[in-house]
C-alpha atoms as a PDB file:
ATOM      1  CA  MET A   1       7.314  -4.945 -28.219  1.00  0.00           C
ATOM      2  CA  ASP A   2       4.955  -5.818 -25.850  1.00  0.00           C
ATOM      3  CA  ILE A   3       2.187  -3.778 -24.066  1.00  0.00           C
ATOM      4  CA  PRO A   4       2.614  -2.866 -20.824  1.00  0.00           C
ATOM      5  CA  VAL A   5      -1.281  -2.887 -20.079  1.00  0.00           C
ATOM      6  CA  THR A   6      -2.675  -6.715 -19.760  1.00  0.00           C
ATOM      7  CA  ILE A   7      -5.772  -6.107 -21.232  1.00  0.00           C
ATOM      8  CA  THR A   8      -8.265  -8.848 -20.494  1.00  0.00           C
ATOM      9  CA  ASP A   9     -10.276 -11.048 -22.396  1.00  0.00           C
ATOM     10  CA  LYS A  10     -13.484  -9.241 -21.371  1.00  0.00           C
ATOM     11  CA  ALA A  11     -12.232  -6.065 -21.471  1.00  0.00           C
ATOM     12  CA  LEU A  12     -10.916  -6.895 -24.961  1.00  0.00           C
ATOM     13  CA  LYS A  13     -14.063  -7.942 -26.164  1.00  0.00           C
ATOM     14  CA  GLU A  14     -16.486  -5.059 -24.415  1.00  0.00           C
ATOM     15  CA  ILE A  15     -13.683  -2.528 -26.144  1.00  0.00           C
ATOM     16  CA  GLN A  16     -14.641  -4.255 -29.513  1.00  0.00           C
ATOM     17  CA  HIS A  17     -18.229  -4.422 -28.817  1.00  0.00           C
ATOM     18  CA  ILE A  18     -18.325  -0.098 -27.949  1.00  0.00           C
ATOM     19  CA  LYS A  19     -16.438   0.136 -31.058  1.00  0.00           C
ATOM     20  CA  SER A  20     -18.740  -1.901 -33.554  1.00  0.00           C
ATOM     21  CA  ASN A  21     -21.586  -0.569 -31.862  1.00  0.00           C
ATOM     22  CA  LYS A  22     -21.226   3.268 -31.437  1.00  0.00           C
ATOM     23  CA  ASN A  23     -19.928   4.418 -34.735  1.00  0.00           C
ATOM     24  CA  ILE A  24     -16.421   4.852 -33.496  1.00  0.00           C
ATOM     25  CA  PRO A  25     -14.527   5.843 -37.018  1.00  0.00           C
ATOM     26  CA  GLU A  26     -12.306   2.845 -38.101  1.00  0.00           C
ATOM     27  CA  GLN A  27      -8.969   4.991 -38.177  1.00  0.00           C
ATOM     28  CA  TYR A  28      -9.674   5.620 -34.208  1.00  0.00           C
ATOM     29  CA  GLY A  29      -8.205   3.247 -31.869  1.00  0.00           C
ATOM     30  CA  LEU A  30      -7.837   2.968 -28.067  1.00  0.00           C
ATOM     31  CA  ARG A  31      -5.911   5.368 -25.767  1.00  0.00           C
ATOM     32  CA  ILE A  32      -4.745   4.425 -22.379  1.00  0.00           C
ATOM     33  CA  GLY A  33      -3.052   7.246 -20.554  1.00  0.00           C
ATOM     34  CA  VAL A  34      -2.790   8.957 -17.410  1.00  0.00           C
ATOM     35  CA  LYS A  35      -4.038  12.480 -15.791  1.00  0.00           C
ATOM     36  CA  GLY A  36      -1.944  14.384 -13.385  1.00  0.00           C
ATOM     37  CA  ALA A  37       0.768  12.185 -12.741  1.00  0.00           C
ATOM     38  CA  GLY A  38       2.026  14.176  -8.944  1.00  0.00           C
ATOM     39  CA  CYS A  39       2.390  13.710  -5.755  1.00  0.00           C
ATOM     40  CA  ALA A  40      -1.488  12.814  -5.854  1.00  0.00           C
ATOM     41  CA  GLY A  41      -0.695   9.517  -7.807  1.00  0.00           C
ATOM     42  CA  VAL A  42      -1.981   9.035 -11.043  1.00  0.00           C
ATOM     43  CA  ASN A  43      -5.936   8.707 -12.662  1.00  0.00           C
ATOM     44  CA  PHE A  44      -5.821   6.294 -15.763  1.00  0.00           C
ATOM     45  CA  VAL A  45      -7.790   6.952 -18.647  1.00  0.00           C
ATOM     46  CA  LEU A  46      -9.617   5.499 -21.718  1.00  0.00           C
ATOM     47  CA  GLY A  47     -11.038   6.676 -24.791  1.00  0.00           C
ATOM     48  CA  PHE A  48     -10.887   6.128 -28.240  1.00  0.00           C
ATOM     49  CA  ASP A  49      -8.797   8.871 -30.305  1.00  0.00           C
ATOM     50  CA  THR A  50      -6.719   8.913 -33.508  1.00  0.00           C
ATOM     51  CA  PRO A  51      -2.578   8.425 -32.977  1.00  0.00           C
ATOM     52  CA  LYS A  52      -0.861  10.600 -32.321  1.00  0.00           C
ATOM     53  CA  ASP A  53       3.148  11.629 -33.434  1.00  0.00           C
ATOM     54  CA  ASP A  54       4.657  10.776 -29.357  1.00  0.00           C
ATOM     55  CA  ASP A  55       2.208   7.487 -29.133  1.00  0.00           C
ATOM     56  CA  VAL A  56       3.350   4.096 -29.385  1.00  0.00           C
ATOM     57  CA  THR A  57       0.807   1.924 -31.236  1.00  0.00           C
ATOM     58  CA  TYR A  58       0.364  -1.616 -30.398  1.00  0.00           C
ATOM     59  CA  ALA A  59      -2.138  -4.084 -32.522  1.00  0.00           C
ATOM     60  CA  LEU A  60      -4.999  -6.264 -30.690  1.00  0.00           C
ATOM     61  CA  PRO A  61      -7.312  -8.348 -32.129  1.00  0.00           C
ATOM     62  CA  HIS A  62      -9.710  -5.797 -34.269  1.00  0.00           C
ATOM     63  CA  VAL A  63      -8.499  -2.539 -32.193  1.00  0.00           C
ATOM     64  CA  ALA A  64      -5.265  -0.755 -32.344  1.00  0.00           C
ATOM     65  CA  VAL A  65      -4.040   0.454 -28.809  1.00  0.00           C
ATOM     66  CA  TYR A  66      -2.158   4.315 -28.525  1.00  0.00           C
ATOM     67  CA  ILE A  67      -0.224   4.676 -25.569  1.00  0.00           C
ATOM     68  CA  ALA A  68       1.653   8.139 -24.973  1.00  0.00           C
ATOM     69  CA  LYS A  69       5.918   7.239 -24.504  1.00  0.00           C
ATOM     70  CA  LYS A  70       5.267   9.468 -21.574  1.00  0.00           C
ATOM     71  CA  ASP A  71       2.716   7.509 -19.900  1.00  0.00           C
ATOM     72  CA  THR A  72       4.475   4.232 -20.158  1.00  0.00           C
ATOM     73  CA  MET A  73       6.380   3.853 -17.190  1.00  0.00           C
ATOM     74  CA  TYR A  74       2.844   4.823 -15.403  1.00  0.00           C
ATOM     75  CA  LEU A  75       1.370   1.272 -17.006  1.00  0.00           C
ATOM     76  CA  ILE A  76       3.659  -1.028 -16.518  1.00  0.00           C
ATOM     77  CA  GLY A  77       2.176  -4.213 -15.143  1.00  0.00           C
ATOM     78  CA  LEU A  78      -1.527  -2.470 -15.155  1.00  0.00           C
ATOM     79  CA  VAL A  79      -4.436  -4.631 -15.904  1.00  0.00           C
ATOM     80  CA  LEU A  80      -7.376  -3.401 -17.791  1.00  0.00           C
ATOM     81  CA  ASP A  81     -10.725  -5.370 -16.789  1.00  0.00           C
ATOM     82  CA  PHE A  82     -14.617  -5.566 -17.584  1.00  0.00           C
ATOM     83  CA  TYR A  83     -16.608  -5.532 -14.836  1.00  0.00           C
ATOM     84  CA  GLU A  84     -20.332  -6.452 -15.290  1.00  0.00           C
ATOM     85  CA  GLY A  85     -22.559  -7.038 -12.008  1.00  0.00           C
ATOM     86  CA  ASP A  86     -25.852  -6.184 -10.574  1.00  0.00           C
ATOM     87  CA  ASP A  87     -24.481  -3.415  -8.651  1.00  0.00           C
ATOM     88  CA  ALA A  88     -22.430  -1.684 -11.713  1.00  0.00           C
ATOM     89  CA  LYS A  89     -20.652  -2.604 -14.747  1.00  0.00           C
ATOM     90  CA  GLY A  90     -17.525  -0.555 -16.313  1.00  0.00           C
ATOM     91  CA  PHE A  91     -13.548  -0.712 -16.746  1.00  0.00           C
ATOM     92  CA  LEU A  92     -11.629  -1.018 -14.084  1.00  0.00           C
ATOM     93  CA  PHE A  93      -7.564  -0.752 -13.908  1.00  0.00           C
ATOM     94  CA  SER A  94      -5.993  -2.289 -11.438  1.00  0.00           C
ATOM     95  CA  HIS A  95      -1.996  -3.211 -10.322  1.00  0.00           C
ATOM     96  CA  PRO A  96      -2.041  -6.902  -9.046  1.00  0.00           C
ATOM     97  CA  ASP A  97       1.677  -5.958  -7.510  1.00  0.00           C
ATOM     98  CA  GLN A  98       0.283  -3.610  -5.370  1.00  0.00           C
ATOM     99  CA  ASP A  99      -2.876  -5.020  -4.850  1.00  0.00           C
ATOM    100  CA  GLU A 100      -0.914  -8.357  -3.519  1.00  0.00           C
ATOM    101  CA  LYS A 101       1.631  -6.359  -0.958  1.00  0.00           C
ATOM    102  CA  ALA A 102      -1.626  -4.264   0.569  1.00  0.00           C
END
């Protein structure tokens, strides 16, 4: 099964960098999910965690990705990127299909 989120090479490198340099335990993987899936929309969440019973696990180079089954429909087509500029740096979630329609 394909991962519902596209993770750019730049984001994947940063995830691998954080995991190896912040003493994240080996059994932890990247959790991608949603919070507040109601009328006001959703907020995407990102962090390191262990797998849960209701997760689908995806194997990426040097890191596992955990997504709760209930969050999958909100994540389909989403792109996770990493931005690093003079003004800020951090992970960015975008939905190219929605961006094109705006």
